[in-house]
Amino acid sequence: MSTTPLTRALRGPSPAPRSAPIDAFRMARKWFLDGKRVDMQQLAAELGVSRATLYRWCGSRELLIGEVIWSINERSLGETRAKTRGTGRVLFTRTLQRSLAQIRDFPALRQFVAEDAEYALRIITSKQSVVQARLIEWTADFLRTEVGLRPDIDVTDLAYVIVRVCESFVWSDMITGAPPETDKAVKIVDMLISAAEISDK
């Protein structure tokens, strides 16, 4: 994925103690958590910059909101993983089960999806999505670190499939009209990882 000044600021230390792209991110994150619409014109006015500058920093409204949503998800995933006991596939699936339930119950995210499901799902689940790309990276890193997989398994491909399965069941009410079934997603993921693990036999 192409990077923006905001992406680079979020992923690495800035030489300055205060970075304008980071200021845009922090304000947008606060608005999102407060249930306030992230409007680029209003955000630029609050920051005292032009819309052109704001778009240069963030790329687009979709990318900015994606960074905000990923920051929320990343923190939740990290905290859940730290509190979860187990090793290997058990640790991964337990972390996933608890995290998926938290995502569906997170008030700000639930409100965002309810207001415009098609737009929200494009930000969260499309192949251009910052959220999906980062979640695939996070999943692949988790699998490499904790799960012994067969050498013929492409970890990134497996992570992609896992993320897509989770998206389908977590947001099923918005995609197909079926009720969310996070437990079913976890069962399928468990079977996928089990089939990809190094056999003890």
C-alpha atoms as a PDB file:
ATOM      1  CA  MET A   1       0.000   0.000   0.000  1.00  0.00           C
ATOM      2  CA  SER A   2       1.161   3.546  -0.660  1.00  0.00           C
ATOM      3  CA  THR A   3       2.034   5.561   2.420  1.00  0.00           C
ATOM      4  CA  THR A   4       0.990   9.048   3.486  1.00  0.00           C
ATOM      5  CA  PRO A   5       2.740  11.503   5.834  1.00  0.00           C
ATOM      6  CA  LEU A   6       0.289  10.338   8.510  1.00  0.00           C
ATOM      7  CA  THR A   7       1.136   6.667   7.957  1.00  0.00           C
ATOM      8  CA  ARG A   8       4.854   7.410   8.224  1.00  0.00           C
ATOM      9  CA  ALA A   9       4.305   9.486  11.359  1.00  0.00           C
ATOM     10  CA  LEU A  10       2.296   6.699  12.984  1.00  0.00           C
ATOM     11  CA  ARG A  11       4.816   4.013  12.142  1.00  0.00           C
ATOM     12  CA  GLY A  12       8.022   5.757  13.088  1.00  0.00           C
ATOM     13  CA  PRO A  13       9.423   8.386  15.444  1.00  0.00           C
ATOM     14  CA  SER A  14       9.149  11.975  14.303  1.00  0.00           C
ATOM     15  CA  PRO A  15      12.168  14.278  14.597  1.00  0.00           C
ATOM     16  CA  ALA A  16       9.842  16.987  15.914  1.00  0.00           C
ATOM     17  CA  PRO A  17       8.009  16.735  19.254  1.00  0.00           C
ATOM     18  CA  ARG A  18       4.769  17.770  17.578  1.00  0.00           C
ATOM     19  CA  SER A  19       3.732  16.533  14.156  1.00  0.00           C
ATOM     20  CA  ALA A  20       0.815  18.119  12.308  1.00  0.00           C
ATOM     21  CA  PRO A  21      -0.307  14.840  10.691  1.00  0.00           C
ATOM     22  CA  ILE A  22      -0.367  13.276  14.148  1.00  0.00           C
ATOM     23  CA  ASP A  23      -2.465  16.199  15.398  1.00  0.00           C
ATOM     24  CA  ALA A  24      -5.002  15.479  12.645  1.00  0.00           C
ATOM     25  CA  PHE A  25      -5.056  11.817  13.634  1.00  0.00           C
ATOM     26  CA  ARG A  26      -5.500  12.548  17.331  1.00  0.00           C
ATOM     27  CA  MET A  27      -8.358  14.968  16.736  1.00  0.00           C
ATOM     28  CA  ALA A  28     -10.072  12.604  14.288  1.00  0.00           C
ATOM     29  CA  ARG A  29      -9.704   9.746  16.777  1.00  0.00           C
ATOM     30  CA  LYS A  30     -11.270  11.820  19.544  1.00  0.00           C
ATOM     31  CA  TRP A  31     -14.179  12.798  17.304  1.00  0.00           C
ATOM     32  CA  PHE A  32     -14.697   9.173  16.251  1.00  0.00           C
ATOM     33  CA  LEU A  33     -14.690   7.928  19.847  1.00  0.00           C
ATOM     34  CA  ASP A  34     -17.111  10.695  20.824  1.00  0.00           C
ATOM     35  CA  GLY A  35     -19.478   9.635  18.051  1.00  0.00           C
ATOM     36  CA  LYS A  36     -18.863  12.823  16.073  1.00  0.00           C
ATOM     37  CA  ARG A  37     -18.616  12.664  12.281  1.00  0.00           C
ATOM     38  CA  VAL A  38     -15.065  13.067  11.007  1.00  0.00           C
ATOM     39  CA  ASP A  39     -15.588  15.870   8.510  1.00  0.00           C
ATOM     40  CA  MET A  40     -12.432  16.879   6.654  1.00  0.00           C
ATOM     41  CA  GLN A  41     -13.445  20.510   6.212  1.00  0.00           C
ATOM     42  CA  GLN A  42     -14.230  20.920   9.901  1.00  0.00           C
ATOM     43  CA  LEU A  43     -11.071  19.056  10.857  1.00  0.00           C
ATOM     44  CA  ALA A  44      -8.924  21.308   8.667  1.00  0.00           C
ATOM     45  CA  ALA A  45     -10.551  24.386  10.198  1.00  0.00           C
ATOM     46  CA  GLU A  46      -9.914  23.113  13.732  1.00  0.00           C
ATOM     47  CA  LEU A  47      -6.269  22.490  12.886  1.00  0.00           C
ATOM     48  CA  GLY A  48      -5.880  25.815  11.130  1.00  0.00           C
ATOM     49  CA  VAL A  49      -4.782  24.326   7.824  1.00  0.00           C
ATOM     50  CA  SER A  50      -6.270  24.095   4.346  1.00  0.00           C
ATOM     51  CA  ARG A  51      -8.212  21.057   3.161  1.00  0.00           C
ATOM     52  CA  ALA A  52      -5.497  20.489   0.564  1.00  0.00           C
ATOM     53  CA  THR A  53      -2.882  20.236   3.315  1.00  0.00           C
ATOM     54  CA  LEU A  54      -5.056  17.884   5.348  1.00  0.00           C
ATOM     55  CA  TYR A  55      -5.613  15.617   2.342  1.00  0.00           C
ATOM     56  CA  ARG A  56      -1.886  15.680   1.587  1.00  0.00           C
ATOM     57  CA  TRP A  57      -1.197  14.559   5.149  1.00  0.00           C
ATOM     58  CA  CYS A  58      -3.837  11.842   5.338  1.00  0.00           C
ATOM     59  CA  GLY A  59      -4.463  10.799   1.747  1.00  0.00           C
ATOM     60  CA  SER A  60      -8.253  10.736   2.062  1.00  0.00           C
ATOM     61  CA  ARG A  61     -11.041  10.686   4.616  1.00  0.00           C
ATOM     62  CA  GLU A  62     -11.259   6.916   4.202  1.00  0.00           C
ATOM     63  CA  LEU A  63      -7.573   6.438   4.949  1.00  0.00           C
ATOM     64  CA  LEU A  64      -7.735   8.713   7.986  1.00  0.00           C
ATOM     65  CA  ILE A  65     -10.754   6.925   9.444  1.00  0.00           C
ATOM     66  CA  GLY A  66      -9.073   3.615   8.643  1.00  0.00           C
ATOM     67  CA  GLU A  67      -6.035   4.643  10.674  1.00  0.00           C
ATOM     68  CA  VAL A  68      -8.325   5.643  13.545  1.00  0.00           C
ATOM     69  CA  ILE A  69     -10.225   2.339  13.472  1.00  0.00           C
ATOM     70  CA  TRP A  70      -7.018   0.321  13.230  1.00  0.00           C
ATOM     71  CA  SER A  71      -5.544   2.182  16.231  1.00  0.00           C
ATOM     72  CA  ILE A  72      -8.606   1.141  18.247  1.00  0.00           C
ATOM     73  CA  ASN A  73      -8.448  -2.451  17.029  1.00  0.00           C
ATOM     74  CA  GLU A  74      -4.693  -2.736  17.538  1.00  0.00           C
ATOM     75  CA  ARG A  75      -4.907  -1.594  21.138  1.00  0.00           C
ATOM     76  CA  SER A  76      -7.784  -3.982  21.847  1.00  0.00           C
ATOM     77  CA  LEU A  77      -5.981  -6.903  20.191  1.00  0.00           C
ATOM     78  CA  GLY A  78      -2.784  -6.211  22.105  1.00  0.00           C
ATOM     79  CA  GLU A  79      -4.548  -5.955  25.455  1.00  0.00           C
ATOM     80  CA  THR A  80      -6.575  -9.091  24.800  1.00  0.00           C
ATOM     81  CA  ARG A  81      -3.514 -11.085  23.741  1.00  0.00           C
ATOM     82  CA  ALA A  82      -1.640  -9.996  26.875  1.00  0.00           C
ATOM     83  CA  LYS A  83      -4.510 -11.144  29.113  1.00  0.00           C
ATOM     84  CA  THR A  84      -5.117 -14.461  27.343  1.00  0.00           C
ATOM     85  CA  ARG A  85      -3.559 -17.692  28.542  1.00  0.00           C
ATOM     86  CA  GLY A  86      -2.413 -20.563  26.402  1.00  0.00           C
ATOM     87  CA  THR A  87       0.113 -21.272  23.679  1.00  0.00           C
ATOM     88  CA  GLY A  88       0.091 -21.890  19.957  1.00  0.00           C
ATOM     89  CA  ARG A  89      -3.242 -22.324  18.226  1.00  0.00           C
ATOM     90  CA  VAL A  90      -5.119 -22.184  21.535  1.00  0.00           C
ATOM     91  CA  LEU A  91      -3.673 -18.764  22.361  1.00  0.00           C
ATOM     92  CA  PHE A  92      -4.497 -17.463  18.895  1.00  0.00           C
ATOM     93  CA  THR A  93      -8.093 -18.698  18.807  1.00  0.00           C
ATOM     94  CA  ARG A  94      -8.823 -17.541  22.360  1.00  0.00           C
ATOM     95  CA  THR A  95      -7.436 -14.105  21.577  1.00  0.00           C
ATOM     96  CA  LEU A  96      -9.461 -14.001  18.378  1.00  0.00           C
ATOM     97  CA  GLN A  97     -12.687 -15.072  20.053  1.00  0.00           C
ATOM     98  CA  ARG A  98     -12.499 -12.369  22.690  1.00  0.00           C
ATOM     99  CA  SER A  99     -11.355  -9.712  20.235  1.00  0.00           C
ATOM    100  CA  LEU A 100     -14.155 -10.335  17.728  1.00  0.00           C
ATOM    101  CA  ALA A 101     -16.775  -9.989  20.447  1.00  0.00           C
ATOM    102  CA  GLN A 102     -15.200  -6.715  21.591  1.00  0.00           C
ATOM    103  CA  ILE A 103     -15.173  -5.331  18.049  1.00  0.00           C
ATOM    104  CA  ARG A 104     -18.895  -5.941  17.629  1.00  0.00           C
ATOM    105  CA  ASP A 105     -19.649  -4.384  21.019  1.00  0.00           C
ATOM    106  CA  PHE A 106     -17.467  -1.275  20.633  1.00  0.00           C
ATOM    107  CA  PRO A 107     -19.957   1.641  20.736  1.00  0.00           C
ATOM    108  CA  ALA A 108     -18.199   4.105  18.417  1.00  0.00           C
ATOM    109  CA  LEU A 109     -17.526   1.477  15.761  1.00  0.00           C
ATOM    110  CA  ARG A 110     -21.053   0.098  16.015  1.00  0.00           C
ATOM    111  CA  GLN A 111     -22.465   3.602  15.545  1.00  0.00           C
ATOM    112  CA  PHE A 112     -20.183   4.262  12.571  1.00  0.00           C
ATOM    113  CA  VAL A 113     -21.297   1.075  10.812  1.00  0.00           C
ATOM    114  CA  ALA A 114     -24.966   1.666  11.622  1.00  0.00           C
ATOM    115  CA  GLU A 115     -24.928   5.175  10.104  1.00  0.00           C
ATOM    116  CA  ASP A 116     -23.638   4.060   6.692  1.00  0.00           C
ATOM    117  CA  ALA A 117     -22.913   0.340   6.495  1.00  0.00           C
ATOM    118  CA  GLU A 118     -21.696   0.304   2.887  1.00  0.00           C
ATOM    119  CA  TYR A 119     -19.235   3.140   3.444  1.00  0.00           C
ATOM    120  CA  ALA A 120     -18.063   1.718   6.773  1.00  0.00           C
ATOM    121  CA  LEU A 121     -17.500  -1.768   5.391  1.00  0.00           C
ATOM    122  CA  ARG A 122     -15.526  -0.312   2.490  1.00  0.00           C
ATOM    123  CA  ILE A 123     -13.175   1.263   5.013  1.00  0.00           C
ATOM    124  CA  ILE A 124     -13.000  -1.801   7.237  1.00  0.00           C
ATOM    125  CA  THR A 125     -13.039  -4.770   4.857  1.00  0.00           C
ATOM    126  CA  SER A 126     -12.052  -3.766   1.308  1.00  0.00           C
ATOM    127  CA  LYS A 127      -8.713  -4.717  -0.253  1.00  0.00           C
ATOM    128  CA  GLN A 128      -7.779  -1.012  -0.237  1.00  0.00           C
ATOM    129  CA  SER A 129      -8.547  -0.875   3.481  1.00  0.00           C
ATOM    130  CA  VAL A 130      -5.856   0.172   5.941  1.00  0.00           C
ATOM    131  CA  VAL A 131      -7.738  -1.831   8.563  1.00  0.00           C
ATOM    132  CA  GLN A 132      -7.743  -5.067   6.588  1.00  0.00           C
ATOM    133  CA  ALA A 133      -4.100  -4.734   5.541  1.00  0.00           C
ATOM    134  CA  ARG A 134      -2.921  -4.096   9.099  1.00  0.00           C
ATOM    135  CA  LEU A 135      -5.055  -6.916  10.473  1.00  0.00           C
ATOM    136  CA  ILE A 136      -3.537  -9.326   7.975  1.00  0.00           C
ATOM    137  CA  GLU A 137      -0.052  -8.173   9.047  1.00  0.00           C
ATOM    138  CA  TRP A 138      -0.964  -8.569  12.734  1.00  0.00           C
ATOM    139  CA  THR A 139      -2.417 -12.043  12.154  1.00  0.00           C
ATOM    140  CA  ALA A 140       0.599 -13.201  10.141  1.00  0.00           C
ATOM    141  CA  ASP A 141       3.009 -11.937  12.816  1.00  0.00           C
ATOM    142  CA  PHE A 142       0.996 -13.697  15.541  1.00  0.00           C
ATOM    143  CA  LEU A 143       1.040 -16.981  13.600  1.00  0.00           C
ATOM    144  CA  ARG A 144       4.777 -16.770  12.904  1.00  0.00           C
ATOM    145  CA  THR A 145       5.515 -16.069  16.559  1.00  0.00           C
ATOM    146  CA  GLU A 146       3.177 -18.493  18.293  1.00  0.00           C
ATOM    147  CA  VAL A 147       2.129 -21.286  15.928  1.00  0.00           C
ATOM    148  CA  GLY A 148       4.287 -23.969  14.356  1.00  0.00           C
ATOM    149  CA  LEU A 149       3.142 -24.072  10.735  1.00  0.00           C
ATOM    150  CA  ARG A 150       4.240 -26.416   7.958  1.00  0.00           C
ATOM    151  CA  PRO A 151       6.996 -24.986   5.726  1.00  0.00           C
ATOM    152  CA  ASP A 152       4.761 -25.243   2.641  1.00  0.00           C
ATOM    153  CA  ILE A 153       2.198 -22.868   4.174  1.00  0.00           C
ATOM    154  CA  ASP A 154       2.324 -19.242   3.056  1.00  0.00           C
ATOM    155  CA  VAL A 155       1.653 -17.426   6.323  1.00  0.00           C
ATOM    156  CA  THR A 156       0.447 -14.245   4.641  1.00  0.00           C
ATOM    157  CA  ASP A 157      -2.071 -16.197   2.544  1.00  0.00           C
ATOM    158  CA  LEU A 158      -3.312 -18.021   5.636  1.00  0.00           C
ATOM    159  CA  ALA A 159      -3.629 -14.727   7.507  1.00  0.00           C
ATOM    160  CA  TYR A 160      -5.606 -13.252   4.610  1.00  0.00           C
ATOM    161  CA  VAL A 161      -8.055 -16.159   4.621  1.00  0.00           C
ATOM    162  CA  ILE A 162      -8.456 -15.921   8.409  1.00  0.00           C
ATOM    163  CA  VAL A 163      -9.196 -12.196   8.225  1.00  0.00           C
ATOM    164  CA  ARG A 164     -11.726 -12.682   5.423  1.00  0.00           C
ATOM    165  CA  VAL A 165     -13.505 -15.431   7.360  1.00  0.00           C
ATOM    166  CA  CYS A 166     -13.712 -13.199  10.426  1.00  0.00           C
ATOM    167  CA  GLU A 167     -14.990 -10.232   8.403  1.00  0.00           C
ATOM    168  CA  SER A 168     -17.711 -12.392   6.862  1.00  0.00           C
ATOM    169  CA  PHE A 169     -19.092 -13.544  10.194  1.00  0.00           C
ATOM    170  CA  VAL A 170     -18.487 -10.432  12.296  1.00  0.00           C
ATOM    171  CA  TRP A 171     -20.253  -8.139   9.809  1.00  0.00           C
ATOM    172  CA  SER A 172     -22.661 -10.707   8.343  1.00  0.00           C
ATOM    173  CA  ASP A 173     -25.707  -8.641   9.310  1.00  0.00           C
ATOM    174  CA  MET A 174     -24.389  -5.792   7.162  1.00  0.00           C
ATOM    175  CA  ILE A 175     -23.214  -8.038   4.295  1.00  0.00           C
ATOM    176  CA  THR A 176     -25.922 -10.706   3.962  1.00  0.00           C
ATOM    177  CA  GLY A 177     -28.509  -9.818   6.591  1.00  0.00           C
ATOM    178  CA  ALA A 178     -27.620 -12.868   8.707  1.00  0.00           C
ATOM    179  CA  PRO A 179     -26.910 -12.332  12.418  1.00  0.00           C
ATOM    180  CA  PRO A 180     -23.230 -12.060  13.444  1.00  0.00           C
ATOM    181  CA  GLU A 181     -21.710 -15.399  14.460  1.00  0.00           C
ATOM    182  CA  THR A 182     -18.272 -14.770  15.878  1.00  0.00           C
ATOM    183  CA  ASP A 183     -18.119 -18.230  17.488  1.00  0.00           C
ATOM    184  CA  LYS A 184     -18.585 -19.837  14.075  1.00  0.00           C
ATOM    185  CA  ALA A 185     -15.752 -17.721  12.673  1.00  0.00           C
ATOM    186  CA  VAL A 186     -13.443 -18.893  15.452  1.00  0.00           C
ATOM    187  CA  LYS A 187     -14.315 -22.561  14.812  1.00  0.00           C
ATOM    188  CA  ILE A 188     -13.503 -22.218  11.118  1.00  0.00           C
ATOM    189  CA  VAL A 189     -10.252 -20.412  11.879  1.00  0.00           C
ATOM    190  CA  ASP A 190      -9.304 -23.129  14.347  1.00  0.00           C
ATOM    191  CA  MET A 191      -9.817 -25.772  11.638  1.00  0.00           C
ATOM    192  CA  LEU A 192      -7.732 -23.775   9.157  1.00  0.00           C
ATOM    193  CA  ILE A 193      -4.806 -23.412  11.551  1.00  0.00           C
ATOM    194  CA  SER A 194      -5.064 -27.037  12.659  1.00  0.00           C
ATOM    195  CA  ALA A 195      -4.770 -28.169   9.038  1.00  0.00           C
ATOM    196  CA  ALA A 196      -1.743 -25.902   8.537  1.00  0.00           C
ATOM    197  CA  GLU A 197       0.127 -26.919  11.706  1.00  0.00           C
ATOM    198  CA  ILE A 198       3.155 -29.168  11.783  1.00  0.00           C
ATOM    199  CA  SER A 199       1.912 -32.645  12.665  1.00  0.00           C
ATOM    200  CA  ASP A 200       3.329 -34.394  15.732  1.00  0.00           C
ATOM    201  CA  LYS A 201       2.759 -37.782  14.120  1.00  0.00           C
END
